[in-house]
Each structure stands twice: as structure tokens, then as C-alpha cells.
Protein backbone atom coordinates (compact mmCIF):
# COMPACT_ATOMS: atom_id res chain seq x y z
CA MET A 1 0.00 0.00 0.00
CA VAL A 2 1.45 3.35 -1.04
CA MET A 3 0.73 6.65 0.66
CA ASP A 4 -0.99 9.41 -1.29
CA LEU A 5 1.37 11.93 -2.90
CA PHE A 6 -0.19 14.99 -4.44
CA ILE A 7 1.80 17.50 -6.48
CA VAL A 8 0.76 21.16 -6.61
CA LYS A 9 2.33 23.63 -9.05
CA ALA A 10 3.65 26.96 -7.79
CA LYS A 11 4.61 29.74 -10.20
CA ASN A 12 7.48 31.15 -8.14
CA LYS A 13 8.97 31.24 -4.63
CA LYS A 14 6.33 33.69 -3.37
CA ASP A 15 3.51 31.50 -4.69
CA LEU A 16 5.23 28.48 -3.10
CA GLU A 17 5.06 30.15 0.32
CA LYS A 18 1.46 31.28 -0.16
CA ILE A 19 0.29 27.77 -1.07
CA SER A 20 2.19 26.27 1.87
CA ASP A 21 0.47 28.78 4.20
CA ASP A 22 -2.89 27.58 2.85
CA PHE A 23 -1.96 24.00 3.71
CA LEU A 24 -0.62 24.99 7.12
CA SER A 25 -4.01 26.51 7.93
CA GLU A 26 -5.54 23.11 7.05
CA LYS A 27 -3.23 21.42 9.61
CA PHE A 28 -0.66 20.01 7.21
CA ASN A 29 2.86 19.75 8.67
CA VAL A 30 6.06 20.68 6.87
CA ILE A 31 8.40 17.73 6.35
CA GLN A 32 11.09 19.25 4.12
CA ILE A 33 11.84 22.65 2.60
CA GLU A 34 14.18 23.28 -0.32
CA ASP A 35 14.60 26.20 -2.73
CA ASN A 36 12.23 24.78 -5.35
CA PHE A 37 9.81 22.65 -3.31
CA ILE A 38 8.07 22.14 0.03
CA LEU A 39 6.97 18.67 1.16
CA MET A 40 4.05 18.55 3.61
CA LYS A 41 2.00 15.83 5.31
CA LYS A 42 -1.30 15.71 7.15
CA ARG A 43 -1.39 13.06 9.84
CA ARG A 44 -4.44 10.87 10.10
CA TYR A 45 -5.21 8.84 13.17
CA GLY A 46 -8.38 7.12 12.01
CA ASN A 47 -12.02 7.80 12.70
CA ILE A 48 -12.69 8.39 16.39
CA TYR A 49 -16.01 6.52 16.24
CA VAL A 50 -14.38 3.41 14.75
CA HIS A 51 -11.71 3.51 17.45
CA ALA A 52 -14.36 3.88 20.18
CA LEU A 53 -16.42 1.01 18.78
CA PHE A 54 -13.42 -1.35 18.54
CA LEU A 55 -12.26 -0.32 22.01
CA LEU A 56 -15.61 -0.91 23.69
CA ILE A 57 -16.27 -4.23 21.99
CA GLY A 58 -12.66 -5.31 22.53
CA LEU A 59 -12.63 -4.46 26.22
CA PHE A 60 -15.92 -6.10 27.09
CA TYR A 61 -16.47 -8.92 24.59
CA ILE A 62 -13.84 -9.89 22.02
CA TRP A 63 -10.29 -8.86 23.01
CA PRO A 64 -8.71 -9.46 19.52
CA LEU A 65 -10.60 -6.38 18.33
CA LEU A 66 -8.07 -4.35 20.34
CA ILE A 67 -5.40 -5.64 17.94
CA VAL A 68 -7.64 -4.74 14.99
CA ASN A 69 -8.00 -1.26 16.47
CA LEU A 70 -4.23 -0.93 16.73
CA ALA A 71 -3.80 -2.13 13.14
CA TYR A 72 -6.40 0.41 11.95
CA PHE A 73 -4.59 3.21 13.79
CA THR A 74 -1.23 2.14 12.33
CA TYR A 75 -2.65 2.00 8.81
CA SER A 76 -4.24 5.44 9.19
CA TYR A 77 -1.11 6.99 10.64
CA LEU A 78 1.51 5.51 8.33
CA TRP A 79 -0.17 4.88 4.98
CA ALA A 80 -3.43 6.82 4.74
CA SER A 81 -1.87 10.17 5.61
CA PRO A 82 -1.70 12.28 2.43
CA HIS A 83 1.55 13.97 1.37
CA VAL A 84 1.67 17.09 -0.79
CA LEU A 85 4.65 18.31 -2.78
CA ILE A 86 4.45 21.99 -3.70
CA THR A 87 6.98 22.65 -6.42
CA THR A 88 8.08 25.18 -9.01
CA GLU A 89 9.49 22.40 -11.21
CA ILE A 90 7.63 21.15 -14.29
CA LYS A 91 9.60 17.94 -14.88
CA SER A 92 10.76 15.18 -12.57
CA GLU A 93 14.40 14.18 -12.18
CA ASP A 94 13.80 11.53 -14.86
CA GLY A 95 12.68 14.22 -17.32
CA GLU A 96 9.02 13.20 -17.25
CA ILE A 97 6.36 15.92 -17.11
CA LEU A 98 4.68 16.05 -13.69
CA GLU A 99 0.93 15.66 -13.28
CA PHE A 100 -0.41 18.33 -10.93
CA ASN A 101 -3.35 18.32 -8.53
CA THR A 102 -5.43 21.28 -7.45
CA ILE A 103 -5.29 22.66 -3.93
CA ASP A 104 -8.97 21.80 -3.41
CA GLU A 105 -8.36 18.13 -4.31
CA VAL A 106 -5.56 17.87 -1.78
CA ILE A 107 -7.50 19.58 1.01
CA LYS A 108 -10.56 17.41 0.31
CA CYS A 109 -8.43 14.25 0.56
CA GLY A 110 -6.73 15.55 3.70
CA ASN A 111 -10.07 16.15 5.42
CA LYS A 112 -11.86 12.92 4.52
CA LEU A 113 -12.55 10.49 7.34
CA PHE A 114 -11.45 7.21 5.72
């Protein structure tokens, strides 16, 4: 399973900073900053209601559901957390043209529950 990587195009350094500020206001965290890109990530911990359900059933009836709850948390935290690369580059290091996402697409994915 691969984590989500979204790529957003910035026109210049000033636009790069403006877009990163938009993502910071949506609770994305900065992972890496370079001259021509900023890499950000929004951590997901899973749906609170799913955790509560697994916890209650696991504590009182079927204890293996506590392990399922832990696996769900781990999946949400490590693999379901979306990453966004804000860049001024048009081509990748391999010379291929990058496919860009819109800011709204990335924010929508970052805010979804599952």
C-alpha cells in the first residue's frame, strides 16, 4: 500500500510560500523545505467513532478487536496520511512531465474520514 502523494504547481517562490500557508491553515505539517519545493503531510489517526467502537467491543467482549483497532490506527497513521509536494518544477528528475493536482483536491483528501 502506497501513501498518497499529491503534487501542486507553484509559479514562483512567493507562490510556493502562499500555497504552503494555505496547507498549514488546514493542519498540514512541513516535512522538508528546499529552494524549489516544500513537502508537507497531514497526519491521520483514524475515525474516532471506529476507534471507540473497537475499544468498547474489545474491552468487554472480544479482546482481539483491540489488535484490529491498533492495526487500523497504524494504517491510518503511516499509509493513509496524504503527502503534498508543492513545487516550481515542471519535470521530474527523470525528465518526465509532472501531473499536478489542485489545492482543493488535496484539502478534500486531507479532510476525509477514511
